[in-house]
Amino acid sequence: MQEGAPVVLGLDVGGSSVKHLLASARASLDTPPKPLDRGRHATPKSSPVEGLAAIASSLRGDADLERVVLSIPGLVDEAAGVVVRSTNIPALDGRPLGAQLSAELGIPVDVINDGHAAAVAEASWGAGAGVDDVFVLALGTGIAGAHVAHGQVVPGAHGSAGELGHITIEPEGSICSCGRRGCLETIIGAPALRRAWVAVGGTGGPEGLLAAHSAGDAAATVIVERASSALAEAILTLCALVDPGCIVIGGGLAQAPHQLVTLAERYVGERASFHRVPPIVPATLGEWAGANGTVLTALRRR
């Protein structure tokens, strides 16, 4: 790295690790920059602000660090740079993290939601590149979603738009972590799939379930078809309300061989009426989507 060269830093903060990407501040917004530095650190526990400041300071070296953007799992007031609540990192709850880190580092620091960061990256540099209106859906422990229009997340009036995991699919279904019954997350979230599979004697968690489904196991097929049917209904609702130009699906449960998604696509095609069903494509940036999104946000805001 050239001494004194202007750079931006993205930190994707998770429950156990912090992924970082350091990039030239002159990088193009059209394609992902070649990282000047890329790696991960343990997430600071006892004093997260000081720990994150130390990570940023160690990475800046002799470069002219112009801006830092962090992505945090949880509810974030992005305009104020405040972590409202983070279940995975409760030590950050209520902290004006942006202002505190900015004071430590002496440069602007922005804080954004991790799902928003990943969605912006997938829509701009990943599977949704070239499409103006993209909905990015992540299937994992929870079901996260974000609507990205013209490269920007559409957050809604209160910053909580895109929560597709909490639309009701089965009104009399299981109680969700949000307190309501029958949310999509209670059917196709990883814990829900694990519980359903264990209830019929299955082992190996969601991965074991999908492997058994591939092998033609009857019990696994019932569970996977129910989950895919629920996802299809959510996608049709999304098409009716948002009418995206592309739907990008990522997360651990959507990785190859894409059984859940492929079956859901079939159900969508069979059930669609007036809906304009857009291309449904797999995410391409993998576990580094969030880090890429923080760098992209830093480049746009510098």
C-alpha atoms as a PDB file:
ATOM      1  CA  MET A   1       0.000   0.000   0.000  1.00  0.00           C
ATOM      2  CA  GLN A   2       1.357   3.418  -0.914  1.00  0.00           C
ATOM      3  CA  GLU A   3       2.211   5.489   2.160  1.00  0.00           C
ATOM      4  CA  GLY A   4      -0.371   8.196   2.726  1.00  0.00           C
ATOM      5  CA  ALA A   5      -2.749   6.814   0.074  1.00  0.00           C
ATOM      6  CA  PRO A   6      -6.433   7.480   0.913  1.00  0.00           C
ATOM      7  CA  VAL A   7      -8.349   4.330   1.888  1.00  0.00           C
ATOM      8  CA  VAL A   8     -11.717   3.304   3.297  1.00  0.00           C
ATOM      9  CA  LEU A   9     -12.343   0.472   5.745  1.00  0.00           C
ATOM     10  CA  GLY A  10     -15.338  -1.822   6.036  1.00  0.00           C
ATOM     11  CA  LEU A  11     -15.919  -3.882   9.169  1.00  0.00           C
ATOM     12  CA  ASP A  12     -18.576  -6.614   9.118  1.00  0.00           C
ATOM     13  CA  VAL A  13     -19.123  -7.300  12.819  1.00  0.00           C
ATOM     14  CA  GLY A  14     -20.586 -10.683  13.716  1.00  0.00           C
ATOM     15  CA  GLY A  15     -21.227 -12.508  16.957  1.00  0.00           C
ATOM     16  CA  SER A  16     -17.830 -14.244  16.918  1.00  0.00           C
ATOM     17  CA  SER A  17     -15.712 -12.543  14.251  1.00  0.00           C
ATOM     18  CA  VAL A  18     -15.131  -9.239  12.502  1.00  0.00           C
ATOM     19  CA  LYS A  19     -14.428  -9.434   8.765  1.00  0.00           C
ATOM     20  CA  HIS A  20     -12.545  -6.490   7.349  1.00  0.00           C
ATOM     21  CA  LEU A  21     -11.925  -5.099   3.879  1.00  0.00           C
ATOM     22  CA  LEU A  22      -9.545  -2.219   3.287  1.00  0.00           C
ATOM     23  CA  ALA A  23      -9.860  -0.599  -0.141  1.00  0.00           C
ATOM     24  CA  SER A  24      -8.550   2.356  -2.077  1.00  0.00           C
ATOM     25  CA  ALA A  25     -10.764   5.404  -1.643  1.00  0.00           C
ATOM     26  CA  ARG A  26     -10.402   5.936  -5.405  1.00  0.00           C
ATOM     27  CA  ALA A  27     -11.920   2.534  -6.224  1.00  0.00           C
ATOM     28  CA  SER A  28     -14.689   2.393  -8.814  1.00  0.00           C
ATOM     29  CA  LEU A  29     -18.278   2.091  -7.654  1.00  0.00           C
ATOM     30  CA  ASP A  30     -19.090  -0.105 -10.641  1.00  0.00           C
ATOM     31  CA  THR A  31     -17.156  -3.208  -9.641  1.00  0.00           C
ATOM     32  CA  PRO A  32     -15.847  -4.587  -6.347  1.00  0.00           C
ATOM     33  CA  PRO A  33     -12.396  -3.153  -5.563  1.00  0.00           C
ATOM     34  CA  LYS A  34      -9.420  -5.420  -5.156  1.00  0.00           C
ATOM     35  CA  PRO A  35      -8.933  -5.460  -1.380  1.00  0.00           C
ATOM     36  CA  LEU A  36      -5.760  -3.855  -0.080  1.00  0.00           C
ATOM     37  CA  ASP A  37      -6.261  -5.999   3.014  1.00  0.00           C
ATOM     38  CA  ARG A  38      -8.829  -8.657   3.845  1.00  0.00           C
ATOM     39  CA  GLY A  39      -9.231 -10.869   6.868  1.00  0.00           C
ATOM     40  CA  ARG A  40     -10.998 -11.442  10.143  1.00  0.00           C
ATOM     41  CA  HIS A  41     -10.530 -10.868  13.850  1.00  0.00           C
ATOM     42  CA  ALA A  42     -12.277 -12.092  16.982  1.00  0.00           C
ATOM     43  CA  THR A  43     -15.224  -9.905  17.921  1.00  0.00           C
ATOM     44  CA  PRO A  44     -14.307  -7.773  20.972  1.00  0.00           C
ATOM     45  CA  LYS A  45     -16.435  -8.770  23.962  1.00  0.00           C
ATOM     46  CA  SER A  46     -15.534  -6.877  27.131  1.00  0.00           C
ATOM     47  CA  SER A  47     -15.014  -3.435  25.583  1.00  0.00           C
ATOM     48  CA  PRO A  48     -16.350  -3.556  22.023  1.00  0.00           C
ATOM     49  CA  VAL A  49     -15.865   0.136  21.183  1.00  0.00           C
ATOM     50  CA  GLU A  50     -12.217   0.107  22.220  1.00  0.00           C
ATOM     51  CA  GLY A  51     -11.742  -3.271  20.550  1.00  0.00           C
ATOM     52  CA  LEU A  52     -13.203  -2.138  17.234  1.00  0.00           C
ATOM     53  CA  ALA A  53     -11.183   1.077  17.394  1.00  0.00           C
ATOM     54  CA  ALA A  54      -8.040  -1.005  17.944  1.00  0.00           C
ATOM     55  CA  ILE A  55      -8.832  -3.174  14.917  1.00  0.00           C
ATOM     56  CA  ALA A  56      -9.363  -0.098  12.733  1.00  0.00           C
ATOM     57  CA  SER A  57      -6.181   1.560  14.024  1.00  0.00           C
ATOM     58  CA  SER A  58      -4.108  -1.547  13.364  1.00  0.00           C
ATOM     59  CA  LEU A  59      -5.371  -1.753   9.780  1.00  0.00           C
ATOM     60  CA  ARG A  60      -4.924   1.879   8.798  1.00  0.00           C
ATOM     61  CA  GLY A  61      -1.123   1.656   9.033  1.00  0.00           C
ATOM     62  CA  ASP A  62       0.492   4.589   7.241  1.00  0.00           C
ATOM     63  CA  ALA A  63      -2.478   5.073   4.936  1.00  0.00           C
ATOM     64  CA  ASP A  64      -4.812   8.057   5.034  1.00  0.00           C
ATOM     65  CA  LEU A  65      -7.953   6.381   6.388  1.00  0.00           C
ATOM     66  CA  GLU A  66     -10.860   8.564   5.266  1.00  0.00           C
ATOM     67  CA  ARG A  67     -13.933   6.686   6.449  1.00  0.00           C
ATOM     68  CA  VAL A  68     -15.014   3.553   8.305  1.00  0.00           C
ATOM     69  CA  VAL A  69     -18.344   1.784   7.895  1.00  0.00           C
ATOM     70  CA  LEU A  70     -19.425  -1.019  10.237  1.00  0.00           C
ATOM     71  CA  SER A  71     -22.262  -3.464   9.751  1.00  0.00           C
ATOM     72  CA  ILE A  72     -23.926  -4.768  12.904  1.00  0.00           C
ATOM     73  CA  PRO A  73     -26.425  -7.630  13.316  1.00  0.00           C
ATOM     74  CA  GLY A  74     -29.552  -6.203  14.856  1.00  0.00           C
ATOM     75  CA  LEU A  75     -31.664  -3.088  14.873  1.00  0.00           C
ATOM     76  CA  VAL A  76     -29.632  -0.022  13.913  1.00  0.00           C
ATOM     77  CA  ASP A  77     -30.615   3.639  13.697  1.00  0.00           C
ATOM     78  CA  GLU A  78     -28.405   4.237  10.680  1.00  0.00           C
ATOM     79  CA  ALA A  79     -29.010   7.993  10.504  1.00  0.00           C
ATOM     80  CA  ALA A  80     -27.859   8.432  14.114  1.00  0.00           C
ATOM     81  CA  GLY A  81     -25.210   5.688  14.075  1.00  0.00           C
ATOM     82  CA  VAL A  82     -26.822   4.055  17.108  1.00  0.00           C
ATOM     83  CA  VAL A  83     -27.103   0.320  17.749  1.00  0.00           C
ATOM     84  CA  VAL A  84     -30.631   0.070  19.131  1.00  0.00           C
ATOM     85  CA  ARG A  85     -30.435  -3.641  19.868  1.00  0.00           C
ATOM     86  CA  SER A  86     -28.122  -6.477  18.882  1.00  0.00           C
ATOM     87  CA  THR A  87     -29.053  -9.929  20.162  1.00  0.00           C
ATOM     88  CA  ASN A  88     -25.670 -11.328  19.092  1.00  0.00           C
ATOM     89  CA  ILE A  89     -23.612  -8.486  20.619  1.00  0.00           C
ATOM     90  CA  PRO A  90     -25.648  -7.178  23.564  1.00  0.00           C
ATOM     91  CA  ALA A  91     -22.714  -5.054  24.787  1.00  0.00           C
ATOM     92  CA  LEU A  92     -23.504  -2.706  21.898  1.00  0.00           C
ATOM     93  CA  ASP A  93     -27.171  -2.192  22.815  1.00  0.00           C
ATOM     94  CA  GLY A  94     -28.037   1.489  22.987  1.00  0.00           C
ATOM     95  CA  ARG A  95     -24.555   2.670  22.067  1.00  0.00           C
ATOM     96  CA  PRO A  96     -23.992   5.632  19.740  1.00  0.00           C
ATOM     97  CA  LEU A  97     -21.320   3.498  18.119  1.00  0.00           C
ATOM     98  CA  GLY A  98     -20.733   5.780  15.146  1.00  0.00           C
ATOM     99  CA  ALA A  99     -20.043   8.843  17.285  1.00  0.00           C
ATOM    100  CA  GLN A 100     -17.921   6.920  19.797  1.00  0.00           C
ATOM    101  CA  LEU A 101     -15.691   5.341  17.165  1.00  0.00           C
ATOM    102  CA  SER A 102     -15.469   8.592  15.234  1.00  0.00           C
ATOM    103  CA  ALA A 103     -14.164  10.276  18.386  1.00  0.00           C
ATOM    104  CA  GLU A 104     -11.626   7.475  18.888  1.00  0.00           C
ATOM    105  CA  LEU A 105     -10.377   7.479  15.282  1.00  0.00           C
ATOM    106  CA  GLY A 106     -10.838  11.128  14.337  1.00  0.00           C
ATOM    107  CA  ILE A 107     -12.653  10.339  11.084  1.00  0.00           C
ATOM    108  CA  PRO A 108     -16.284   9.777  10.006  1.00  0.00           C
ATOM    109  CA  VAL A 109     -17.704   6.402  11.053  1.00  0.00           C
ATOM    110  CA  ASP A 110     -21.067   5.066   9.859  1.00  0.00           C
ATOM    111  CA  VAL A 111     -23.010   2.146  11.315  1.00  0.00           C
ATOM    112  CA  ILE A 112     -25.444   0.113   9.207  1.00  0.00           C
ATOM    113  CA  ASN A 113     -27.485  -3.068   9.560  1.00  0.00           C
ATOM    114  CA  ASP A 114     -25.646  -6.193   8.411  1.00  0.00           C
ATOM    115  CA  GLY A 115     -28.541  -7.355   6.230  1.00  0.00           C
ATOM    116  CA  HIS A 116     -28.650  -3.975   4.501  1.00  0.00           C
ATOM    117  CA  ALA A 117     -24.908  -4.140   3.873  1.00  0.00           C
ATOM    118  CA  ALA A 118     -25.117  -7.592   2.293  1.00  0.00           C
ATOM    119  CA  ALA A 119     -28.150  -6.610   0.224  1.00  0.00           C
ATOM    120  CA  VAL A 120     -26.521  -3.482  -1.200  1.00  0.00           C
ATOM    121  CA  ALA A 121     -23.447  -5.484  -2.175  1.00  0.00           C
ATOM    122  CA  GLU A 122     -25.435  -8.290  -3.837  1.00  0.00           C
ATOM    123  CA  ALA A 123     -27.618  -5.768  -5.679  1.00  0.00           C
ATOM    124  CA  SER A 124     -24.693  -3.659  -6.901  1.00  0.00           C
ATOM    125  CA  TRP A 125     -21.715  -6.003  -7.200  1.00  0.00           C
ATOM    126  CA  GLY A 126     -23.256  -9.475  -6.952  1.00  0.00           C
ATOM    127  CA  ALA A 127     -26.133 -11.428  -8.467  1.00  0.00           C
ATOM    128  CA  GLY A 128     -28.352  -8.363  -8.893  1.00  0.00           C
ATOM    129  CA  ALA A 129     -25.797  -6.202 -10.681  1.00  0.00           C
ATOM    130  CA  GLY A 130     -27.330  -4.354 -13.628  1.00  0.00           C
ATOM    131  CA  VAL A 131     -30.893  -4.500 -12.258  1.00  0.00           C
ATOM    132  CA  ASP A 132     -32.341  -1.294 -10.813  1.00  0.00           C
ATOM    133  CA  ASP A 133     -34.835  -2.919  -8.437  1.00  0.00           C
ATOM    134  CA  VAL A 134     -33.654  -5.940  -6.433  1.00  0.00           C
ATOM    135  CA  PHE A 135     -34.973  -7.772  -3.394  1.00  0.00           C
ATOM    136  CA  VAL A 136     -32.306  -9.713  -1.504  1.00  0.00           C
ATOM    137  CA  LEU A 137     -33.420 -12.548   0.752  1.00  0.00           C
ATOM    138  CA  ALA A 138     -31.167 -14.486   3.122  1.00  0.00           C
ATOM    139  CA  LEU A 139     -32.253 -17.902   4.397  1.00  0.00           C
ATOM    140  CA  GLY A 140     -30.496 -18.938   7.583  1.00  0.00           C
ATOM    141  CA  THR A 141     -31.221 -19.016  11.305  1.00  0.00           C
ATOM    142  CA  GLY A 142     -33.606 -16.171  10.593  1.00  0.00           C
ATOM    143  CA  ILE A 143     -35.037 -14.906   7.321  1.00  0.00           C
ATOM    144  CA  ALA A 144     -33.652 -11.483   6.458  1.00  0.00           C
ATOM    145  CA  GLY A 145     -34.662  -9.352   3.498  1.00  0.00           C
ATOM    146  CA  ALA A 146     -33.997  -5.947   2.006  1.00  0.00           C
ATOM    147  CA  HIS A 147     -35.357  -4.053  -0.967  1.00  0.00           C
ATOM    148  CA  VAL A 148     -32.650  -2.258  -2.953  1.00  0.00           C
ATOM    149  CA  ALA A 149     -33.703   0.311  -5.537  1.00  0.00           C
ATOM    150  CA  HIS A 150     -31.119   2.098  -7.694  1.00  0.00           C
ATOM    151  CA  GLY A 151     -28.354   0.834  -5.417  1.00  0.00           C
ATOM    152  CA  GLN A 152     -29.931   2.069  -2.164  1.00  0.00           C
ATOM    153  CA  VAL A 153     -31.792   0.121   0.510  1.00  0.00           C
ATOM    154  CA  VAL A 154     -35.410   1.196   0.874  1.00  0.00           C
ATOM    155  CA  PRO A 155     -35.633   1.080   4.684  1.00  0.00           C
ATOM    156  CA  GLY A 156     -39.237   2.146   5.212  1.00  0.00           C
ATOM    157  CA  ALA A 157     -40.449   4.831   7.595  1.00  0.00           C
ATOM    158  CA  HIS A 158     -38.992   3.110  10.665  1.00  0.00           C
ATOM    159  CA  GLY A 159     -36.061   1.220   9.154  1.00  0.00           C
ATOM    160  CA  SER A 160     -37.688  -2.203   9.340  1.00  0.00           C
ATOM    161  CA  ALA A 161     -38.906  -2.772   5.766  1.00  0.00           C
ATOM    162  CA  GLY A 162     -38.130  -6.088   4.115  1.00  0.00           C
ATOM    163  CA  GLU A 163     -38.774  -8.378   7.106  1.00  0.00           C
ATOM    164  CA  LEU A 164     -40.187 -11.130   4.928  1.00  0.00           C
ATOM    165  CA  GLY A 165     -39.428 -13.694   7.616  1.00  0.00           C
ATOM    166  CA  HIS A 166     -42.240 -12.262   9.716  1.00  0.00           C
ATOM    167  CA  ILE A 167     -45.134 -12.391   7.314  1.00  0.00           C
ATOM    168  CA  THR A 168     -47.792 -14.861   8.465  1.00  0.00           C
ATOM    169  CA  ILE A 169     -47.966 -18.097   6.493  1.00  0.00           C
ATOM    170  CA  GLU A 170     -49.803 -20.332   8.983  1.00  0.00           C
ATOM    171  CA  PRO A 171     -52.080 -18.266  11.307  1.00  0.00           C
ATOM    172  CA  GLU A 172     -52.408 -21.157  13.768  1.00  0.00           C
ATOM    173  CA  GLY A 173     -48.780 -22.203  13.485  1.00  0.00           C
ATOM    174  CA  SER A 174     -45.867 -22.160  15.906  1.00  0.00           C
ATOM    175  CA  ILE A 175     -45.010 -19.091  17.973  1.00  0.00           C
ATOM    176  CA  CYS A 176     -42.242 -17.058  16.394  1.00  0.00           C
ATOM    177  CA  SER A 177     -39.409 -15.252  18.197  1.00  0.00           C
ATOM    178  CA  CYS A 178     -41.283 -12.028  17.361  1.00  0.00           C
ATOM    179  CA  GLY A 179     -44.264 -13.194  19.429  1.00  0.00           C
ATOM    180  CA  ARG A 180     -46.678 -13.890  16.563  1.00  0.00           C
ATOM    181  CA  ARG A 181     -47.736 -17.260  15.195  1.00  0.00           C
ATOM    182  CA  GLY A 182     -46.936 -18.933  11.917  1.00  0.00           C
ATOM    183  CA  CYS A 183     -44.317 -16.540  10.536  1.00  0.00           C
ATOM    184  CA  LEU A 184     -42.297 -17.736   7.540  1.00  0.00           C
ATOM    185  CA  GLU A 185     -39.306 -18.042   9.884  1.00  0.00           C
ATOM    186  CA  THR A 186     -41.130 -20.688  11.949  1.00  0.00           C
ATOM    187  CA  ILE A 187     -41.340 -22.926   8.891  1.00  0.00           C
ATOM    188  CA  ILE A 188     -38.166 -22.442   6.871  1.00  0.00           C
ATOM    189  CA  GLY A 189     -35.680 -20.951   9.360  1.00  0.00           C
ATOM    190  CA  ALA A 190     -32.824 -23.292  10.230  1.00  0.00           C
ATOM    191  CA  PRO A 191     -34.030 -23.916  13.832  1.00  0.00           C
ATOM    192  CA  ALA A 192     -37.534 -24.696  12.551  1.00  0.00           C
ATOM    193  CA  LEU A 193     -36.216 -27.180  10.009  1.00  0.00           C
ATOM    194  CA  ARG A 194     -34.030 -28.777  12.667  1.00  0.00           C
ATOM    195  CA  ARG A 195     -36.973 -29.193  15.054  1.00  0.00           C
ATOM    196  CA  ALA A 196     -39.189 -30.673  12.354  1.00  0.00           C
ATOM    197  CA  TRP A 197     -36.471 -33.107  11.311  1.00  0.00           C
ATOM    198  CA  VAL A 198     -35.666 -34.225  14.869  1.00  0.00           C
ATOM    199  CA  ALA A 199     -39.392 -34.750  15.518  1.00  0.00           C
ATOM    200  CA  VAL A 200     -39.440 -37.502  12.879  1.00  0.00           C
ATOM    201  CA  GLY A 201     -36.198 -39.074  14.095  1.00  0.00           C
ATOM    202  CA  GLY A 202     -33.835 -37.300  11.730  1.00  0.00           C
ATOM    203  CA  THR A 203     -30.225 -36.365  12.566  1.00  0.00           C
ATOM    204  CA  GLY A 204     -27.648 -33.966  11.205  1.00  0.00           C
ATOM    205  CA  GLY A 205     -29.684 -30.786  11.403  1.00  0.00           C
ATOM    206  CA  PRO A 206     -30.840 -28.963   8.245  1.00  0.00           C
ATOM    207  CA  GLU A 207     -27.917 -30.398   6.290  1.00  0.00           C
ATOM    208  CA  GLY A 208     -28.978 -33.919   7.216  1.00  0.00           C
ATOM    209  CA  LEU A 209     -32.550 -33.082   6.282  1.00  0.00           C
ATOM    210  CA  LEU A 210     -31.571 -31.850   2.822  1.00  0.00           C
ATOM    211  CA  ALA A 211     -29.305 -34.848   2.273  1.00  0.00           C
ATOM    212  CA  ALA A 212     -32.162 -37.190   3.204  1.00  0.00           C
ATOM    213  CA  HIS A 213     -34.488 -35.292   0.873  1.00  0.00           C
ATOM    214  CA  SER A 214     -31.994 -35.742  -1.978  1.00  0.00           C
ATOM    215  CA  ALA A 215     -31.926 -39.464  -1.208  1.00  0.00           C
ATOM    216  CA  GLY A 216     -35.717 -39.648  -1.460  1.00  0.00           C
ATOM    217  CA  ASP A 217     -36.553 -40.017   2.239  1.00  0.00           C
ATOM    218  CA  ALA A 218     -40.332 -39.648   2.604  1.00  0.00           C
ATOM    219  CA  ALA A 219     -40.319 -37.792   5.948  1.00  0.00           C
ATOM    220  CA  ALA A 220     -37.653 -35.376   4.735  1.00  0.00           C
ATOM    221  CA  THR A 221     -39.637 -34.754   1.568  1.00  0.00           C
ATOM    222  CA  VAL A 222     -42.725 -33.709   3.563  1.00  0.00           C
ATOM    223  CA  ILE A 223     -40.688 -31.188   5.592  1.00  0.00           C
ATOM    224  CA  VAL A 224     -38.832 -29.743   2.603  1.00  0.00           C
ATOM    225  CA  GLU A 225     -41.994 -29.452   0.503  1.00  0.00           C
ATOM    226  CA  ARG A 226     -43.789 -27.623   3.347  1.00  0.00           C
ATOM    227  CA  ALA A 227     -40.866 -25.218   3.758  1.00  0.00           C
ATOM    228  CA  SER A 228     -40.573 -24.584   0.031  1.00  0.00           C
ATOM    229  CA  SER A 229     -44.311 -24.056  -0.253  1.00  0.00           C
ATOM    230  CA  ALA A 230     -44.120 -21.426   2.511  1.00  0.00           C
ATOM    231  CA  LEU A 231     -41.231 -19.697   0.750  1.00  0.00           C
ATOM    232  CA  ALA A 232     -43.221 -19.688  -2.492  1.00  0.00           C
ATOM    233  CA  GLU A 233     -46.151 -17.976  -0.800  1.00  0.00           C
ATOM    234  CA  ALA A 234     -43.802 -15.360   0.642  1.00  0.00           C
ATOM    235  CA  ILE A 235     -42.273 -14.737  -2.784  1.00  0.00           C
ATOM    236  CA  LEU A 236     -45.708 -14.307  -4.362  1.00  0.00           C
ATOM    237  CA  THR A 237     -46.610 -11.820  -1.620  1.00  0.00           C
ATOM    238  CA  LEU A 238     -43.356 -10.000  -2.314  1.00  0.00           C
ATOM    239  CA  CYS A 239     -44.120  -9.849  -6.031  1.00  0.00           C
ATOM    240  CA  ALA A 240     -47.587  -8.440  -5.323  1.00  0.00           C
ATOM    241  CA  LEU A 241     -46.357  -5.761  -2.922  1.00  0.00           C
ATOM    242  CA  VAL A 242     -42.923  -4.787  -4.256  1.00  0.00           C
ATOM    243  CA  ASP A 243     -42.745  -6.041  -7.857  1.00  0.00           C
ATOM    244  CA  PRO A 244     -38.935  -6.375  -7.863  1.00  0.00           C
ATOM    245  CA  GLY A 245     -36.959  -6.759 -11.066  1.00  0.00           C
ATOM    246  CA  CYS A 246     -34.880  -9.552  -9.547  1.00  0.00           C
ATOM    247  CA  ILE A 247     -34.942 -11.669  -6.393  1.00  0.00           C
ATOM    248  CA  VAL A 248     -31.557 -12.732  -5.032  1.00  0.00           C
ATOM    249  CA  ILE A 249     -31.598 -15.553  -2.484  1.00  0.00           C
ATOM    250  CA  GLY A 250     -28.596 -16.327  -0.314  1.00  0.00           C
ATOM    251  CA  GLY A 251     -27.768 -17.565   3.160  1.00  0.00           C
ATOM    252  CA  GLY A 252     -26.728 -20.968   4.409  1.00  0.00           C
ATOM    253  CA  LEU A 253     -29.999 -22.703   3.540  1.00  0.00           C
ATOM    254  CA  ALA A 254     -29.868 -21.466  -0.055  1.00  0.00           C
ATOM    255  CA  GLN A 255     -26.449 -22.829  -0.895  1.00  0.00           C
ATOM    256  CA  ALA A 256     -25.994 -25.554  -3.487  1.00  0.00           C
ATOM    257  CA  PRO A 257     -27.750 -27.824  -4.275  1.00  0.00           C
ATOM    258  CA  HIS A 258     -30.491 -25.166  -3.755  1.00  0.00           C
ATOM    259  CA  GLN A 259     -33.244 -27.739  -3.105  1.00  0.00           C
ATOM    260  CA  LEU A 260     -35.453 -25.432  -1.056  1.00  0.00           C
ATOM    261  CA  VAL A 261     -35.174 -22.586  -3.541  1.00  0.00           C
ATOM    262  CA  THR A 262     -35.566 -24.706  -6.665  1.00  0.00           C
ATOM    263  CA  LEU A 263     -38.732 -26.320  -5.330  1.00  0.00           C
ATOM    264  CA  ALA A 264     -40.078 -22.931  -4.212  1.00  0.00           C
ATOM    265  CA  GLU A 265     -39.493 -21.557  -7.715  1.00  0.00           C
ATOM    266  CA  ARG A 266     -41.567 -24.411  -9.133  1.00  0.00           C
ATOM    267  CA  TYR A 267     -44.428 -23.661  -6.734  1.00  0.00           C
ATOM    268  CA  VAL A 268     -44.251 -19.958  -7.582  1.00  0.00           C
ATOM    269  CA  GLY A 269     -44.584 -20.757 -11.274  1.00  0.00           C
ATOM    270  CA  GLU A 270     -47.554 -23.040 -10.630  1.00  0.00           C
ATOM    271  CA  ARG A 271     -49.400 -20.595  -8.348  1.00  0.00           C
ATOM    272  CA  ALA A 272     -48.716 -17.197  -9.921  1.00  0.00           C
ATOM    273  CA  SER A 273     -51.760 -15.450 -11.395  1.00  0.00           C
ATOM    274  CA  PHE A 274     -51.417 -11.704 -12.079  1.00  0.00           C
ATOM    275  CA  HIS A 275     -47.949 -11.693 -10.537  1.00  0.00           C
ATOM    276  CA  ARG A 276     -44.967 -10.639 -12.626  1.00  0.00           C
ATOM    277  CA  VAL A 277     -42.437 -13.153 -11.363  1.00  0.00           C
ATOM    278  CA  PRO A 278     -38.893 -11.858 -11.882  1.00  0.00           C
ATOM    279  CA  PRO A 279     -35.721 -13.930 -12.193  1.00  0.00           C
ATOM    280  CA  ILE A 280     -34.917 -15.695  -8.912  1.00  0.00           C
ATOM    281  CA  VAL A 281     -31.146 -16.120  -8.703  1.00  0.00           C
ATOM    282  CA  PRO A 282     -28.621 -17.382  -6.112  1.00  0.00           C
ATOM    283  CA  ALA A 283     -26.441 -14.884  -4.292  1.00  0.00           C
ATOM    284  CA  THR A 284     -22.821 -14.814  -5.437  1.00  0.00           C
ATOM    285  CA  LEU A 285     -20.812 -12.946  -2.784  1.00  0.00           C
ATOM    286  CA  GLY A 286     -21.136 -15.548  -0.046  1.00  0.00           C
ATOM    287  CA  GLU A 287     -19.994 -14.770   3.488  1.00  0.00           C
ATOM    288  CA  TRP A 288     -18.173 -11.624   2.334  1.00  0.00           C
ATOM    289  CA  ALA A 289     -21.322  -9.874   1.096  1.00  0.00           C
ATOM    290  CA  GLY A 290     -21.645  -7.840   4.292  1.00  0.00           C
ATOM    291  CA  ALA A 291     -18.020  -6.699   4.237  1.00  0.00           C
ATOM    292  CA  ASN A 292     -18.339  -5.729   0.582  1.00  0.00           C
ATOM    293  CA  GLY A 293     -21.457  -3.759   1.463  1.00  0.00           C
ATOM    294  CA  THR A 294     -19.645  -1.770   4.136  1.00  0.00           C
ATOM    295  CA  VAL A 295     -16.876  -0.829   1.695  1.00  0.00           C
ATOM    296  CA  LEU A 296     -19.399   0.116  -0.988  1.00  0.00           C
ATOM    297  CA  THR A 297     -21.238   2.317   1.523  1.00  0.00           C
ATOM    298  CA  ALA A 298     -17.958   3.940   2.557  1.00  0.00           C
ATOM    299  CA  LEU A 299     -17.056   4.688  -1.066  1.00  0.00           C
ATOM    300  CA  ARG A 300     -20.467   6.243  -1.692  1.00  0.00           C
ATOM    301  CA  ARG A 301     -20.364   8.425   1.423  1.00  0.00           C
ATOM    302  CA  ARG A 302     -16.763   9.634   1.359  1.00  0.00           C
END
